[in-house]
Amino acid sequence: MKNIVLFGPPGAGKGTQADILKEKYQLVHISTGDVFRYNIKNETELGTLAKSYMDKGHLVPDEVTIDMLNAEVEKNPDANGFIFDGFPRTEAQATSLAQLMDSKKSQINAMVALEVDDEILVGRLLERGKSSGRPDDANEEVIRERIAEYYRKTDILKGFYQKQDKYYGVDGVGNIEEITERLSEVIDKL
């Protein structure tokens, strides 16, 4: 089983690349953003709670995120592996994810981080906001807060995975195919 944490700030291209990599490596893609949007759209209790945080550009509390993620992993008991997109975002979540994978007699093989300049991220998200209908992508102030929150709360994960020799930084600027090739070079070595 090959389990990858695909990491990077909002707008780095995690969703796009995860869709390509899941097909190439026959993995299940679990995007916490998609899971949140599903729960929000269907007005579940967890979705309503998550929305209240997301609307302010803040991260959703760990316990809410973990409850949603656990349900998604349990839907795929025979998976060849997972691409976790947008999770973990804190050391506590990384520890919880490791425990979850241990319970499945597996582990996280790598954290692969897409690295993109902040101004490029803002531009990408504003463009996405024009077509996606996502309110969190339409407001530059909220976008900048999401990026700042990413750095404040998630940068520690780089060190967490580096200590385990599982961190790989990948240049996230260029066309989709170039970025996919860079990611594949890392994944093929796992």
Protein backbone atom coordinates (compact mmCIF):
# COMPACT_ATOMS: atom_id res chain seq x y z
CA MET A 1 0.00 0.00 0.00
CA LYS A 2 1.38 3.39 -1.04
CA ASN A 3 0.08 6.33 1.02
CA ILE A 4 1.06 9.87 0.13
CA VAL A 5 0.31 13.17 1.79
CA LEU A 6 0.10 15.78 -0.97
CA PHE A 7 0.91 19.07 0.66
CA GLY A 8 1.01 22.73 -0.23
CA PRO A 9 -0.73 26.04 0.34
CA PRO A 10 -4.20 26.82 -1.04
CA GLY A 11 -3.96 27.15 -4.82
CA ALA A 12 -0.78 25.08 -5.18
CA GLY A 13 -2.51 22.58 -7.47
CA LYS A 14 -2.98 19.69 -5.05
CA GLY A 15 -6.42 18.75 -6.36
CA THR A 16 -5.38 18.84 -10.00
CA GLN A 17 -2.28 16.75 -9.39
CA ALA A 18 -4.07 14.32 -7.07
CA ASP A 19 -6.61 13.57 -9.82
CA ILE A 20 -3.79 12.71 -12.22
CA LEU A 21 -1.74 10.72 -9.70
CA LYS A 22 -4.69 8.66 -8.43
CA GLU A 23 -5.21 7.32 -11.95
CA LYS A 24 -1.54 6.77 -12.65
CA TYR A 25 -0.90 4.89 -9.39
CA GLN A 26 -4.43 3.48 -8.78
CA LEU A 27 -4.81 5.25 -5.41
CA VAL A 28 -7.87 6.66 -3.67
CA HIS A 29 -7.82 10.47 -3.50
CA ILE A 30 -9.20 11.92 -0.29
CA SER A 31 -9.45 15.69 -0.42
CA THR A 32 -10.52 17.22 2.86
CA GLY A 33 -11.75 20.23 0.89
CA ASP A 34 -14.05 18.00 -1.17
CA VAL A 35 -15.17 16.13 1.95
CA PHE A 36 -15.92 19.46 3.66
CA ARG A 37 -17.82 20.78 0.63
CA TYR A 38 -19.89 17.58 0.42
CA ASN A 39 -20.80 17.85 4.11
CA ILE A 40 -21.51 21.58 3.79
CA LYS A 41 -23.66 21.13 0.68
CA ASN A 42 -25.65 18.39 2.39
CA GLU A 43 -25.89 20.51 5.56
CA THR A 44 -24.61 17.79 7.85
CA GLU A 45 -23.80 18.75 11.43
CA LEU A 46 -20.06 18.47 10.72
CA GLY A 47 -20.50 20.43 7.49
CA THR A 48 -22.22 23.34 9.19
CA LEU A 49 -19.50 23.49 11.81
CA ALA A 50 -16.71 23.28 9.21
CA LYS A 51 -18.29 26.08 7.15
CA SER A 52 -18.24 28.49 10.07
CA TYR A 53 -14.43 28.18 10.20
CA MET A 54 -13.80 28.07 6.45
CA ASP A 55 -15.80 31.26 5.82
CA LYS A 56 -13.28 33.12 8.01
CA GLY A 57 -10.27 31.56 6.25
CA HIS A 58 -9.42 29.45 9.31
CA LEU A 59 -8.62 25.78 9.55
CA VAL A 60 -11.35 23.43 10.69
CA PRO A 61 -10.67 21.96 14.18
CA ASP A 62 -8.84 18.64 14.27
CA GLU A 63 -11.65 16.57 15.74
CA VAL A 64 -14.06 17.61 12.96
CA THR A 65 -11.50 16.93 10.25
CA ILE A 66 -10.50 13.57 11.71
CA ASP A 67 -14.11 12.41 12.02
CA MET A 68 -14.74 13.23 8.35
CA LEU A 69 -11.47 11.64 7.20
CA ASN A 70 -11.99 8.42 9.14
CA ALA A 71 -15.37 7.94 7.46
CA GLU A 72 -13.75 8.35 4.02
CA VAL A 73 -10.95 5.85 4.74
CA GLU A 74 -13.48 3.31 6.00
CA LYS A 75 -15.41 3.62 2.71
CA ASN A 76 -12.33 2.19 0.90
CA PRO A 77 -11.13 -0.86 2.89
CA ASP A 78 -9.54 -2.53 -0.15
CA ALA A 79 -7.64 0.49 -1.47
CA ASN A 80 -4.14 0.13 -2.96
CA GLY A 81 -3.28 3.30 -1.08
CA PHE A 82 -4.39 6.86 -0.55
CA ILE A 83 -3.46 10.36 -1.61
CA PHE A 84 -4.32 12.63 1.28
CA ASP A 85 -4.91 16.14 -0.06
CA GLY A 86 -5.28 18.88 2.53
CA PHE A 87 -4.67 16.58 5.49
CA PRO A 88 -2.85 16.53 7.83
CA ARG A 89 -2.39 20.21 8.56
CA THR A 90 -1.12 20.00 12.12
CA GLU A 91 1.26 17.72 14.00
CA ALA A 92 -1.69 16.37 16.01
CA GLN A 93 -3.46 15.45 12.76
CA ALA A 94 -0.27 13.84 11.41
CA THR A 95 -0.05 11.74 14.57
CA SER A 96 -3.74 10.79 14.25
CA LEU A 97 -3.22 9.88 10.59
CA ALA A 98 -0.23 7.71 11.50
CA GLN A 99 -2.36 5.94 14.12
CA LEU A 100 -5.17 5.45 11.59
CA MET A 101 -2.76 3.95 9.05
CA ASP A 102 -1.20 1.75 11.77
CA SER A 103 -4.67 0.40 12.54
CA LYS A 104 -4.90 -0.56 8.85
CA LYS A 105 -1.44 -2.19 9.06
CA SER A 106 -0.01 0.53 6.82
CA GLN A 107 1.84 3.84 7.04
CA ILE A 108 2.38 7.18 5.31
CA ASN A 109 5.19 6.65 2.78
CA ALA A 110 5.85 10.30 1.93
CA MET A 111 4.77 13.88 2.26
CA VAL A 112 5.19 15.53 -1.14
CA ALA A 113 4.89 19.32 -0.97
CA LEU A 114 4.10 21.57 -3.92
CA GLU A 115 6.07 24.79 -3.44
CA VAL A 116 4.62 27.95 -5.03
CA ASP A 117 5.25 31.69 -4.48
CA ASP A 118 2.45 33.47 -2.55
CA GLU A 119 1.63 35.98 -5.30
CA ILE A 120 1.18 33.16 -7.82
CA LEU A 121 -1.14 31.44 -5.33
CA VAL A 122 -3.29 34.55 -4.90
CA GLY A 123 -3.62 34.93 -8.67
CA ARG A 124 -4.51 31.27 -9.15
CA LEU A 125 -7.17 31.37 -6.43
CA LEU A 126 -8.76 34.57 -7.71
CA GLU A 127 -8.98 32.99 -11.17
CA ARG A 128 -10.46 29.82 -9.71
CA GLY A 129 -12.95 31.93 -7.78
CA LYS A 130 -14.34 33.34 -11.04
CA SER A 131 -15.37 29.89 -12.25
CA SER A 132 -15.77 27.72 -9.16
CA GLY A 133 -18.42 29.68 -7.29
CA ARG A 134 -16.40 29.13 -4.10
CA PRO A 135 -16.71 32.25 -1.93
CA ASP A 136 -13.38 31.52 -0.23
CA ASP A 137 -11.65 31.91 -3.63
CA ALA A 138 -13.35 35.19 -4.58
CA ASN A 139 -12.03 37.45 -1.81
CA GLU A 140 -8.34 38.40 -1.84
CA GLU A 141 -8.31 39.21 1.89
CA VAL A 142 -9.72 35.75 2.76
CA ILE A 143 -7.24 34.13 0.33
CA ARG A 144 -4.28 35.89 1.95
CA GLU A 145 -5.55 34.86 5.40
CA ARG A 146 -5.83 31.22 4.24
CA ILE A 147 -2.24 31.33 2.96
CA ALA A 148 -1.00 32.95 6.18
CA GLU A 149 -2.91 30.38 8.24
CA TYR A 150 -1.30 27.62 6.19
CA TYR A 151 2.17 28.88 7.06
CA ARG A 152 1.34 29.52 10.74
CA LYS A 153 -0.21 26.15 11.42
CA THR A 154 1.26 23.72 8.92
CA ASP A 155 4.89 24.61 8.36
CA ILE A 156 5.79 22.48 11.39
CA LEU A 157 4.73 19.40 9.42
CA LYS A 158 7.71 19.80 7.15
CA GLY A 159 9.95 19.13 10.14
CA PHE A 160 7.69 16.33 11.37
CA TYR A 161 8.08 14.39 8.10
CA GLN A 162 11.73 15.41 7.57
CA LYS A 163 12.62 13.69 10.86
CA GLN A 164 11.18 10.49 9.36
CA ASP A 165 12.95 10.98 5.98
CA LYS A 166 9.53 11.26 4.34
CA TYR A 167 9.48 14.90 3.17
CA TYR A 168 9.92 15.84 -0.50
CA GLY A 169 9.59 19.41 -1.79
CA VAL A 170 8.57 19.75 -5.46
CA ASP A 171 8.45 22.91 -7.58
CA GLY A 172 4.73 23.59 -8.15
CA VAL A 173 5.19 26.21 -10.89
CA GLY A 174 4.91 25.32 -14.56
CA ASN A 175 2.39 23.50 -16.70
CA ILE A 176 0.41 20.58 -15.32
CA GLU A 177 2.47 17.95 -17.16
CA GLU A 178 5.80 19.34 -15.90
CA ILE A 179 4.57 19.35 -12.31
CA THR A 180 3.17 15.81 -12.68
CA GLU A 181 6.53 14.62 -13.97
CA ARG A 182 8.34 16.12 -10.96
CA LEU A 183 5.87 14.47 -8.57
CA SER A 184 6.15 11.12 -10.36
CA GLU A 185 9.93 11.15 -10.02
CA VAL A 186 9.47 11.25 -6.23
CA ILE A 187 6.61 8.72 -6.05
CA ASP A 188 8.38 6.21 -8.31
CA LYS A 189 11.26 6.04 -5.80
CA LEU A 190 9.01 5.17 -2.83
